[in-house]
Amino acid sequence: MEYHIHLLDSDEYSTGKGFLANISQGGIYFKCPPPLSLEDGNIGDFTFDLSSSSGLSNSRLKVSARVARIEPPEKTSLDFGIAVQFLSDLKVELRR
């Protein structure tokens, strides 16, 4: 997946590639490599572009959300774990 994040009250944007690990009605958990310009508690507009390999077809998810936690990489990986809590309704756009 690809993520795009615009933090509120700032001109800061983050873009990168990651791996969708879990999604629910209340949030999303993904893993991504550094560099990472997010901190616990950051609030912003999140966009996730998912590929067909995610099982959600080619879709785009948009939501206002808060970074609930950032987990450091495990010993066997360089990827950080990012837990995001939704603050608005999730908008899903199906793409071809």
PDB file of N, CA and C in Angstrom:
ATOM      1  N   MET A   1       0.830  -1.167   0.000  1.00  0.00           N
ATOM      2  CA  MET A   1       0.000   0.000   0.000  1.00  0.00           C
ATOM      3  C   MET A   1       0.878   1.236   0.000  1.00  0.00           C
ATOM      4  N   GLU A   2       0.275   2.325  -0.343  1.00  0.00           N
ATOM      5  CA  GLU A   2       0.963   3.610  -0.312  1.00  0.00           C
ATOM      6  C   GLU A   2       0.166   4.513   0.623  1.00  0.00           C
ATOM      7  N   TYR A   3       0.869   5.308   1.428  1.00  0.00           N
ATOM      8  CA  TYR A   3       0.157   6.215   2.332  1.00  0.00           C
ATOM      9  C   TYR A   3       0.566   7.655   2.051  1.00  0.00           C
ATOM     10  N   HIS A   4      -0.390   8.552   2.299  1.00  0.00           N
ATOM     11  CA  HIS A   4      -0.187   9.990   2.156  1.00  0.00           C
ATOM     12  C   HIS A   4      -0.810  10.623   3.397  1.00  0.00           C
ATOM     13  N   ILE A   5      -0.035  11.432   4.104  1.00  0.00           N
ATOM     14  CA  ILE A   5      -0.512  12.007   5.355  1.00  0.00           C
ATOM     15  C   ILE A   5      -0.249  13.509   5.354  1.00  0.00           C
ATOM     16  N   HIS A   6      -1.292  14.278   5.651  1.00  0.00           N
ATOM     17  CA  HIS A   6      -1.144  15.719   5.839  1.00  0.00           C
ATOM     18  C   HIS A   6      -1.510  16.014   7.284  1.00  0.00           C
ATOM     19  N   LEU A   7      -0.522  16.421   8.072  1.00  0.00           N
ATOM     20  CA  LEU A   7      -0.770  16.712   9.475  1.00  0.00           C
ATOM     21  C   LEU A   7      -1.487  18.045   9.625  1.00  0.00           C
ATOM     22  N   LEU A   8      -2.475  18.080  10.500  1.00  0.00           N
ATOM     23  CA  LEU A   8      -3.234  19.306  10.742  1.00  0.00           C
ATOM     24  C   LEU A   8      -2.344  20.346  11.405  1.00  0.00           C
ATOM     25  N   ASP A   9      -2.683  21.604  11.201  1.00  0.00           N
ATOM     26  CA  ASP A   9      -1.939  22.730  11.773  1.00  0.00           C
ATOM     27  C   ASP A   9      -0.478  22.736  11.360  1.00  0.00           C
ATOM     28  N   SER A  10      -0.188  22.196  10.169  1.00  0.00           N
ATOM     29  CA  SER A  10       1.192  22.212   9.684  1.00  0.00           C
ATOM     30  C   SER A  10       1.182  22.068   8.170  1.00  0.00           C
ATOM     31  N   ASP A  11       2.307  22.375   7.575  1.00  0.00           N
ATOM     32  CA  ASP A  11       2.469  22.171   6.139  1.00  0.00           C
ATOM     33  C   ASP A  11       3.153  20.840   5.860  1.00  0.00           C
ATOM     34  N   GLU A  12       3.236  19.990   6.870  1.00  0.00           N
ATOM     35  CA  GLU A  12       3.988  18.751   6.752  1.00  0.00           C
ATOM     36  C   GLU A  12       3.167  17.657   6.070  1.00  0.00           C
ATOM     37  N   TYR A  13       3.789  17.046   5.066  1.00  0.00           N
ATOM     38  CA  TYR A  13       3.210  15.910   4.355  1.00  0.00           C
ATOM     39  C   TYR A  13       4.169  14.737   4.455  1.00  0.00           C
ATOM     40  N   SER A  14       3.622  13.537   4.573  1.00  0.00           N
ATOM     41  CA  SER A  14       4.424  12.317   4.556  1.00  0.00           C
ATOM     42  C   SER A  14       3.850  11.393   3.503  1.00  0.00           C
ATOM     43  N   THR A  15       4.706  10.781   2.752  1.00  0.00           N
ATOM     44  CA  THR A  15       4.306   9.806   1.751  1.00  0.00           C
ATOM     45  C   THR A  15       5.286   8.646   1.817  1.00  0.00           C
ATOM     46  N   GLY A  16       4.764   7.459   1.641  1.00  0.00           N
ATOM     47  CA  GLY A  16       5.639   6.301   1.649  1.00  0.00           C
ATOM     48  C   GLY A  16       4.880   5.046   1.288  1.00  0.00           C
ATOM     49  N   LYS A  17       5.600   3.947   1.326  1.00  0.00           N
ATOM     50  CA  LYS A  17       5.001   2.646   1.042  1.00  0.00           C
ATOM     51  C   LYS A  17       5.073   1.809   2.308  1.00  0.00           C
ATOM     52  N   GLY A  18       4.061   0.985   2.471  1.00  0.00           N
ATOM     53  CA  GLY A  18       4.011   0.141   3.649  1.00  0.00           C
ATOM     54  C   GLY A  18       3.195  -1.105   3.389  1.00  0.00           C
ATOM     55  N   PHE A  19       2.929  -1.827   4.448  1.00  0.00           N
ATOM     56  CA  PHE A  19       2.191  -3.082   4.392  1.00  0.00           C
ATOM     57  C   PHE A  19       0.996  -2.987   5.329  1.00  0.00           C
ATOM     58  N   LEU A  20      -0.209  -3.151   4.792  1.00  0.00           N
ATOM     59  CA  LEU A  20      -1.423  -3.145   5.601  1.00  0.00           C
ATOM     60  C   LEU A  20      -1.473  -4.437   6.408  1.00  0.00           C
ATOM     61  N   ALA A  21      -1.485  -4.300   7.733  1.00  0.00           N
ATOM     62  CA  ALA A  21      -1.510  -5.479   8.598  1.00  0.00           C
ATOM     63  C   ALA A  21      -2.905  -5.769   9.136  1.00  0.00           C
ATOM     64  N   ASN A  22      -3.697  -4.691   9.404  1.00  0.00           N
ATOM     65  CA  ASN A  22      -5.005  -4.892  10.006  1.00  0.00           C
ATOM     66  C   ASN A  22      -5.851  -3.639   9.785  1.00  0.00           C
ATOM     67  N   ILE A  23      -7.136  -3.860   9.575  1.00  0.00           N
ATOM     68  CA  ILE A  23      -8.063  -2.728   9.459  1.00  0.00           C
ATOM     69  C   ILE A  23      -9.378  -3.125  10.124  1.00  0.00           C
ATOM     70  N   SER A  24      -9.995  -2.141  10.818  1.00  0.00           N
ATOM     71  CA  SER A  24     -11.275  -2.377  11.461  1.00  0.00           C
ATOM     72  C   SER A  24     -12.107  -1.109  11.335  1.00  0.00           C
ATOM     73  N   GLN A  25     -13.290  -1.100  11.927  1.00  0.00           N
ATOM     74  CA  GLN A  25     -14.131   0.100  11.875  1.00  0.00           C
ATOM     75  C   GLN A  25     -13.489   1.272  12.603  1.00  0.00           C
ATOM     76  N   GLY A  26     -12.645   0.980  13.568  1.00  0.00           N
ATOM     77  CA  GLY A  26     -12.086   2.036  14.391  1.00  0.00           C
ATOM     78  C   GLY A  26     -10.703   2.512  14.006  1.00  0.00           C
ATOM     79  N   GLY A  27     -10.014   1.753  13.133  1.00  0.00           N
ATOM     80  CA  GLY A  27      -8.664   2.167  12.792  1.00  0.00           C
ATOM     81  C   GLY A  27      -7.955   1.230  11.843  1.00  0.00           C
ATOM     82  N   ILE A  28      -6.686   1.533  11.653  1.00  0.00           N
ATOM     83  CA  ILE A  28      -5.860   0.762  10.729  1.00  0.00           C
ATOM     84  C   ILE A  28      -4.485   0.589  11.366  1.00  0.00           C
ATOM     85  N   TYR A  29      -3.852  -0.538  11.087  1.00  0.00           N
ATOM     86  CA  TYR A  29      -2.500  -0.803  11.561  1.00  0.00           C
ATOM     87  C   TYR A  29      -1.674  -1.187  10.336  1.00  0.00           C
ATOM     88  N   PHE A  30      -0.574  -0.458  10.149  1.00  0.00           N
ATOM     89  CA  PHE A  30       0.291  -0.789   9.014  1.00  0.00           C
ATOM     90  C   PHE A  30       1.738  -0.729   9.439  1.00  0.00           C
ATOM     91  N   LYS A  31       2.584  -1.312   8.620  1.00  0.00           N
ATOM     92  CA  LYS A  31       4.020  -1.323   8.871  1.00  0.00           C
ATOM     93  C   LYS A  31       4.711  -0.614   7.725  1.00  0.00           C
ATOM     94  N   CYS A  32       5.749   0.151   8.067  1.00  0.00           N
ATOM     95  CA  CYS A  32       6.482   0.873   7.036  1.00  0.00           C
ATOM     96  C   CYS A  32       7.925   1.090   7.482  1.00  0.00           C
ATOM     97  N   PRO A  33       8.824   1.204   6.514  1.00  0.00           N
ATOM     98  CA  PRO A  33      10.228   1.440   6.842  1.00  0.00           C
ATOM     99  C   PRO A  33      10.475   2.913   7.173  1.00  0.00           C
ATOM    100  N   PRO A  34      11.596   3.201   7.834  1.00  0.00           N
ATOM    101  CA  PRO A  34      11.968   4.603   8.057  1.00  0.00           C
ATOM    102  C   PRO A  34      12.375   5.237   6.738  1.00  0.00           C
ATOM    103  N   PRO A  35      12.479   6.550   6.599  1.00  0.00           N
ATOM    104  CA  PRO A  35      12.300   7.520   7.678  1.00  0.00           C
ATOM    105  C   PRO A  35      10.833   7.754   7.950  1.00  0.00           C
ATOM    106  N   LEU A  36      10.530   8.109   9.167  1.00  0.00           N
ATOM    107  CA  LEU A  36       9.158   8.280   9.596  1.00  0.00           C
ATOM    108  C   LEU A  36       9.026   9.640  10.274  1.00  0.00           C
ATOM    109  N   SER A  37       8.142  10.483   9.765  1.00  0.00           N
ATOM    110  CA  SER A  37       8.003  11.826  10.334  1.00  0.00           C
ATOM    111  C   SER A  37       6.716  11.951  11.143  1.00  0.00           C
ATOM    112  N   LEU A  38       6.276  10.852  11.748  1.00  0.00           N
ATOM    113  CA  LEU A  38       5.072  10.849  12.578  1.00  0.00           C
ATOM    114  C   LEU A  38       5.446  10.673  14.038  1.00  0.00           C
ATOM    115  N   GLU A  39       4.565  11.164  14.908  1.00  0.00           N
ATOM    116  CA  GLU A  39       4.725  10.977  16.345  1.00  0.00           C
ATOM    117  C   GLU A  39       3.385  10.563  16.933  1.00  0.00           C
ATOM    118  N   ASP A  40       3.427   9.884  18.078  1.00  0.00           N
ATOM    119  CA  ASP A  40       2.192   9.554  18.787  1.00  0.00           C
ATOM    120  C   ASP A  40       1.376  10.822  18.991  1.00  0.00           C
ATOM    121  N   GLY A  41       0.073  10.729  18.737  1.00  0.00           N
ATOM    122  CA  GLY A  41      -0.816  11.854  18.956  1.00  0.00           C
ATOM    123  C   GLY A  41      -1.005  12.768  17.762  1.00  0.00           C
ATOM    124  N   ASN A  42      -0.168  12.631  16.719  1.00  0.00           N
ATOM    125  CA  ASN A  42      -0.362  13.452  15.519  1.00  0.00           C
ATOM    126  C   ASN A  42      -1.761  13.232  14.958  1.00  0.00           C
ATOM    127  N   ILE A  43      -2.402  14.320  14.528  1.00  0.00           N
ATOM    128  CA  ILE A  43      -3.720  14.251  13.900  1.00  0.00           C
ATOM    129  C   ILE A  43      -3.600  14.808  12.493  1.00  0.00           C
ATOM    130  N   GLY A  44      -4.256  14.134  11.550  1.00  0.00           N
ATOM    131  CA  GLY A  44      -4.176  14.611  10.188  1.00  0.00           C
ATOM    132  C   GLY A  44      -5.144  13.898   9.268  1.00  0.00           C
ATOM    133  N   ASP A  45      -5.010  14.224   7.990  1.00  0.00           N
ATOM    134  CA  ASP A  45      -5.791  13.574   6.939  1.00  0.00           C
ATOM    135  C   ASP A  45      -4.935  12.472   6.344  1.00  0.00           C
ATOM    136  N   PHE A  46      -5.440  11.248   6.393  1.00  0.00           N
ATOM    137  CA  PHE A  46      -4.710  10.075   5.934  1.00  0.00           C
ATOM    138  C   PHE A  46      -5.373   9.532   4.668  1.00  0.00           C
ATOM    139  N   THR A  47      -4.566   9.182   3.687  1.00  0.00           N
ATOM    140  CA  THR A  47      -5.038   8.509   2.481  1.00  0.00           C
ATOM    141  C   THR A  47      -4.204   7.256   2.304  1.00  0.00           C
ATOM    142  N   PHE A  48      -4.871   6.128   2.085  1.00  0.00           N
ATOM    143  CA  PHE A  48      -4.191   4.855   1.873  1.00  0.00           C
ATOM    144  C   PHE A  48      -4.603   4.318   0.510  1.00  0.00           C
ATOM    145  N   ASP A  49      -3.644   4.118  -0.381  1.00  0.00           N
ATOM    146  CA  ASP A  49      -3.899   3.514  -1.682  1.00  0.00           C
ATOM    147  C   ASP A  49      -3.539   2.041  -1.581  1.00  0.00           C
ATOM    148  N   LEU A  50      -4.555   1.199  -1.726  1.00  0.00           N
ATOM    149  CA  LEU A  50      -4.358  -0.243  -1.566  1.00  0.00           C
ATOM    150  C   LEU A  50      -4.308  -0.911  -2.922  1.00  0.00           C
ATOM    151  N   SER A  51      -3.469  -1.908  -3.031  1.00  0.00           N
ATOM    152  CA  SER A  51      -3.359  -2.668  -4.279  1.00  0.00           C
ATOM    153  C   SER A  51      -4.235  -3.911  -4.190  1.00  0.00           C
ATOM    154  N   SER A  52      -4.360  -4.609  -5.280  1.00  0.00           N
ATOM    155  CA  SER A  52      -5.201  -5.805  -5.313  1.00  0.00           C
ATOM    156  C   SER A  52      -4.651  -6.892  -4.405  1.00  0.00           C
ATOM    157  N   SER A  53      -3.378  -6.869  -4.073  1.00  0.00           N
ATOM    158  CA  SER A  53      -2.804  -7.897  -3.205  1.00  0.00           C
ATOM    159  C   SER A  53      -3.293  -7.759  -1.762  1.00  0.00           C
ATOM    160  N   SER A  54      -3.899  -6.633  -1.399  1.00  0.00           N
ATOM    161  CA  SER A  54      -4.400  -6.437  -0.042  1.00  0.00           C
ATOM    162  C   SER A  54      -5.716  -7.167   0.202  1.00  0.00           C
ATOM    163  N   GLY A  55      -6.367  -7.632  -0.855  1.00  0.00           N
ATOM    164  CA  GLY A  55      -7.661  -8.276  -0.724  1.00  0.00           C
ATOM    165  C   GLY A  55      -8.814  -7.283  -0.761  1.00  0.00           C
ATOM    166  N   LEU A  56      -8.524  -5.994  -0.834  1.00  0.00           N
ATOM    167  CA  LEU A  56      -9.558  -4.960  -0.886  1.00  0.00           C
ATOM    168  C   LEU A  56      -9.621  -4.343  -2.274  1.00  0.00           C
ATOM    169  N   SER A  57      -9.213  -5.065  -3.280  1.00  0.00           N
ATOM    170  CA  SER A  57      -9.121  -4.616  -4.664  1.00  0.00           C
ATOM    171  C   SER A  57      -8.283  -3.351  -4.730  1.00  0.00           C
ATOM    172  N   ASN A  58      -8.356  -2.651  -5.823  1.00  0.00           N
ATOM    173  CA  ASN A  58      -7.635  -1.385  -5.941  1.00  0.00           C
ATOM    174  C   ASN A  58      -8.541  -0.305  -5.374  1.00  0.00           C
ATOM    175  N   SER A  59      -8.284   0.102  -4.151  1.00  0.00           N
ATOM    176  CA  SER A  59      -9.144   1.090  -3.528  1.00  0.00           C
ATOM    177  C   SER A  59      -8.316   2.142  -2.810  1.00  0.00           C
ATOM    178  N   ARG A  60      -8.958   3.270  -2.573  1.00  0.00           N
ATOM    179  CA  ARG A  60      -8.337   4.374  -1.849  1.00  0.00           C
ATOM    180  C   ARG A  60      -9.198   4.635  -0.618  1.00  0.00           C
ATOM    181  N   LEU A  61      -8.562   4.678   0.547  1.00  0.00           N
ATOM    182  CA  LEU A  61      -9.237   4.977   1.797  1.00  0.00           C
ATOM    183  C   LEU A  61      -8.818   6.363   2.254  1.00  0.00           C
ATOM    184  N   LYS A  62      -9.802   7.187   2.620  1.00  0.00           N
ATOM    185  CA  LYS A  62      -9.510   8.540   3.122  1.00  0.00           C
ATOM    186  C   LYS A  62     -10.195   8.710   4.461  1.00  0.00           C
ATOM    187  N   VAL A  63      -9.454   9.320   5.417  1.00  0.00           N
ATOM    188  CA  VAL A  63     -10.011   9.481   6.755  1.00  0.00           C
ATOM    189  C   VAL A  63      -9.217  10.513   7.547  1.00  0.00           C
ATOM    190  N   SER A  64      -9.893  11.187   8.442  1.00  0.00           N
ATOM    191  CA  SER A  64      -9.222  12.011   9.434  1.00  0.00           C
ATOM    192  C   SER A  64      -8.899  11.081  10.596  1.00  0.00           C
ATOM    193  N   ALA A  65      -7.657  11.134  11.094  1.00  0.00           N
ATOM    194  CA  ALA A  65      -7.257  10.152  12.092  1.00  0.00           C
ATOM    195  C   ALA A  65      -6.160  10.686  13.002  1.00  0.00           C
ATOM    196  N   ARG A  66      -5.935   9.937  14.082  1.00  0.00           N
ATOM    197  CA  ARG A  66      -4.899  10.250  15.062  1.00  0.00           C
ATOM    198  C   ARG A  66      -3.947   9.069  15.171  1.00  0.00           C
ATOM    199  N   VAL A  67      -2.657   9.349  15.239  1.00  0.00           N
ATOM    200  CA  VAL A  67      -1.667   8.289  15.442  1.00  0.00           C
ATOM    201  C   VAL A  67      -1.798   7.835  16.894  1.00  0.00           C
ATOM    202  N   ALA A  68      -2.274   6.611  17.084  1.00  0.00           N
ATOM    203  CA  ALA A  68      -2.493   6.077  18.427  1.00  0.00           C
ATOM    204  C   ALA A  68      -1.182   5.588  19.044  1.00  0.00           C
ATOM    205  N   ARG A  69      -0.337   4.954  18.228  1.00  0.00           N
ATOM    206  CA  ARG A  69       0.960   4.497  18.726  1.00  0.00           C
ATOM    207  C   ARG A  69       1.877   4.159  17.561  1.00  0.00           C
ATOM    208  N   ILE A  70       3.158   4.235  17.851  1.00  0.00           N
ATOM    209  CA  ILE A  70       4.190   3.835  16.903  1.00  0.00           C
ATOM    210  C   ILE A  70       5.059   2.803  17.596  1.00  0.00           C
ATOM    211  N   GLU A  71       5.147   1.633  16.988  1.00  0.00           N
ATOM    212  CA  GLU A  71       5.932   0.556  17.572  1.00  0.00           C
ATOM    213  C   GLU A  71       7.289   0.479  16.875  1.00  0.00           C
ATOM    214  N   PRO A  72       8.366   0.324  17.641  1.00  0.00           N
ATOM    215  CA  PRO A  72       9.689   0.213  17.028  1.00  0.00           C
ATOM    216  C   PRO A  72       9.809  -1.089  16.234  1.00  0.00           C
ATOM    217  N   PRO A  73      10.762  -1.141  15.322  1.00  0.00           N
ATOM    218  CA  PRO A  73      10.942  -2.365  14.539  1.00  0.00           C
ATOM    219  C   PRO A  73      11.273  -3.566  15.424  1.00  0.00           C
ATOM    220  N   GLU A  74      10.811  -4.728  14.971  1.00  0.00           N
ATOM    221  CA  GLU A  74      11.171  -5.976  15.646  1.00  0.00           C
ATOM    222  C   GLU A  74      12.577  -6.356  15.220  1.00  0.00           C
ATOM    223  N   LYS A  75      13.169  -7.307  15.899  1.00  0.00           N
ATOM    224  CA  LYS A  75      14.553  -7.712  15.617  1.00  0.00           C
ATOM    225  C   LYS A  75      14.734  -8.224  14.194  1.00  0.00           C
ATOM    226  N   THR A  76      13.679  -8.799  13.622  1.00  0.00           N
ATOM    227  CA  THR A  76      13.780  -9.409  12.297  1.00  0.00           C
ATOM    228  C   THR A  76      13.348  -8.481  11.164  1.00  0.00           C
ATOM    229  N   SER A  77      13.082  -7.197  11.478  1.00  0.00           N
ATOM    230  CA  SER A  77      12.559  -6.279  10.471  1.00  0.00           C
ATOM    231  C   SER A  77      13.046  -4.857  10.743  1.00  0.00           C
ATOM    232  N   LEU A  78      13.004  -4.025   9.722  1.00  0.00           N
ATOM    233  CA  LEU A  78      13.313  -2.608   9.877  1.00  0.00           C
ATOM    234  C   LEU A  78      12.041  -1.761   9.938  1.00  0.00           C
ATOM    235  N   ASP A  79      10.878  -2.411   9.745  1.00  0.00           N
ATOM    236  CA  ASP A  79       9.605  -1.690   9.646  1.00  0.00           C
ATOM    237  C   ASP A  79       9.036  -1.304  11.009  1.00  0.00           C
ATOM    238  N   PHE A  80       8.551  -0.054  11.090  1.00  0.00           N
ATOM    239  CA  PHE A  80       7.825   0.416  12.264  1.00  0.00           C
ATOM    240  C   PHE A  80       6.371  -0.034  12.150  1.00  0.00           C
ATOM    241  N   GLY A  81       5.701  -0.242  13.270  1.00  0.00           N
ATOM    242  CA  GLY A  81       4.272  -0.513  13.299  1.00  0.00           C
ATOM    243  C   GLY A  81       3.536   0.768  13.644  1.00  0.00           C
ATOM    244  N   ILE A  82       2.533   1.137  12.848  1.00  0.00           N
ATOM    245  CA  ILE A  82       1.794   2.381  13.042  1.00  0.00           C
ATOM    246  C   ILE A  82       0.319   2.052  13.265  1.00  0.00           C
ATOM    247  N   ALA A  83      -0.206   2.420  14.434  1.00  0.00           N
ATOM    248  CA  ALA A  83      -1.631   2.237  14.734  1.00  0.00           C
ATOM    249  C   ALA A  83      -2.306   3.599  14.628  1.00  0.00           C
ATOM    250  N   VAL A  84      -3.357   3.670  13.819  1.00  0.00           N
ATOM    251  CA  VAL A  84      -4.060   4.913  13.550  1.00  0.00           C
ATOM    252  C   VAL A  84      -5.518   4.743  13.951  1.00  0.00           C
ATOM    253  N   GLN A  85      -6.040   5.675  14.742  1.00  0.00           N
ATOM    254  CA  GLN A  85      -7.438   5.660  15.177  1.00  0.00           C
ATOM    255  C   GLN A  85      -8.239   6.630  14.317  1.00  0.00           C
ATOM    256  N   PHE A  86      -9.324   6.148  13.717  1.00  0.00           N
ATOM    257  CA  PHE A  86     -10.162   6.986  12.874  1.00  0.00           C
ATOM    258  C   PHE A  86     -10.916   8.007  13.725  1.00  0.00           C
ATOM    259  N   LEU A  87     -10.964   9.255  13.248  1.00  0.00           N
ATOM    260  CA  LEU A  87     -11.712  10.319  13.907  1.00  0.00           C
ATOM    261  C   LEU A  87     -12.915  10.758  13.080  1.00  0.00           C
ATOM    262  N   SER A  88     -13.029  10.230  11.874  1.00  0.00           N
ATOM    263  CA  SER A  88     -14.157  10.531  10.992  1.00  0.00           C
ATOM    264  C   SER A  88     -14.574   9.243  10.299  1.00  0.00           C
ATOM    265  N   ASP A  89     -15.658   9.321   9.565  1.00  0.00           N
ATOM    266  CA  ASP A  89     -16.077   8.167   8.781  1.00  0.00           C
ATOM    267  C   ASP A  89     -15.060   7.879   7.697  1.00  0.00           C
ATOM    268  N   LEU A  90     -14.811   6.625   7.472  1.00  0.00           N
ATOM    269  CA  LEU A  90     -13.876   6.186   6.440  1.00  0.00           C
ATOM    270  C   LEU A  90     -14.536   6.308   5.066  1.00  0.00           C
ATOM    271  N   LYS A  91     -13.882   6.989   4.138  1.00  0.00           N
ATOM    272  CA  LYS A  91     -14.381   7.095   2.769  1.00  0.00           C
ATOM    273  C   LYS A  91     -13.586   6.128   1.917  1.00  0.00           C
ATOM    274  N   VAL A  92     -14.315   5.293   1.164  1.00  0.00           N
ATOM    275  CA  VAL A  92     -13.677   4.292   0.308  1.00  0.00           C
ATOM    276  C   VAL A  92     -13.985   4.619  -1.143  1.00  0.00           C
ATOM    277  N   GLU A  93     -12.941   4.710  -1.958  1.00  0.00           N
ATOM    278  CA  GLU A  93     -13.095   4.906  -3.387  1.00  0.00           C
ATOM    279  C   GLU A  93     -12.544   3.676  -4.093  1.00  0.00           C
ATOM    280  N   LEU A  94     -13.393   3.008  -4.867  1.00  0.00           N
ATOM    281  CA  LEU A  94     -12.944   1.858  -5.645  1.00  0.00           C
ATOM    282  C   LEU A  94     -12.385   2.346  -6.962  1.00  0.00           C
ATOM    283  N   ARG A  95     -11.209   1.864  -7.321  1.00  0.00           N
ATOM    284  CA  ARG A  95     -10.560   2.278  -8.558  1.00  0.00           C
ATOM    285  C   ARG A  95     -10.353   1.081  -9.461  1.00  0.00           C
ATOM    286  N   ARG A  96     -10.229   1.360 -10.718  1.00  0.00           N
ATOM    287  CA  ARG A  96      -9.980   0.276 -11.691  1.00  0.00           C
ATOM    288  C   ARG A  96      -8.535   0.283 -12.094  1.00  0.00           C
TER     289      ARG A  96
END
